[in-house]
Amino acid sequence: MRAIGVCALLVVACTPTTTRPPFAPIPEALHAVINGRPADVTQAARELLKADTIPVRFVSLRDAFLETAEFAGTHRVRLWADPDVPGKSRVTIEAVYRPLEDPSRTHRDLERAAPPGSPGRLRAEQLLAALKDKLGVTTY
C-alpha cells in the first residue's frame, strides 16, 4: 500500500510542462548542429542578440527556446535548440513577420516566413553564423 502511495505522489509531483510554444518552426527555418549543450547555445544566442541590440522577449534555458520581441516593424526571430549527440545541439532558427494585423486571429496564424533580404531573415542568418563562429558547427 505504501508503494502505491509513493508512486501516486511521484506521478502528481511530475509536471510535464514546457515553456516552448505549441507550434513547430516554419519549414523555411534555418538549421545547423552547433557544438554546445542546448542551454549553452540558447544563452549564447541571448548574449549575441543583446549585443546586437535586438530585444529578447522570452528565453528559457531549461527548454532551450528563445524568442525576440518585434523589431524592424513586425519581424521576430525564434530559436529552438534540441539535443543531438552529447555536447551538441540541433538548432533551428526561424524568422517571421506579420504582414497585417487582425485581432480575430492568433499572432501565429498571421505570421509568414521572412523573405530573403528582409531584416528578420538577415538577423536570423547573422545569429546562426555568429553561433557557428562562437561555439563551432558539426557537419554530418
Foldseek 3Di string as FASTA:
>chain_A
DVVVVVVVVVVVPDDPDDPDDPDDADPPWDKFKFQADLLVLLVVLCVVCVVVVFAWPDGDSVQSKTKTQADPAFKIKIKGWDDDPPRITIIIIFIWGFPDDDVVDDPVVRIDGDDPPDPRVVVSVVSVVVSCVVGNGDDD
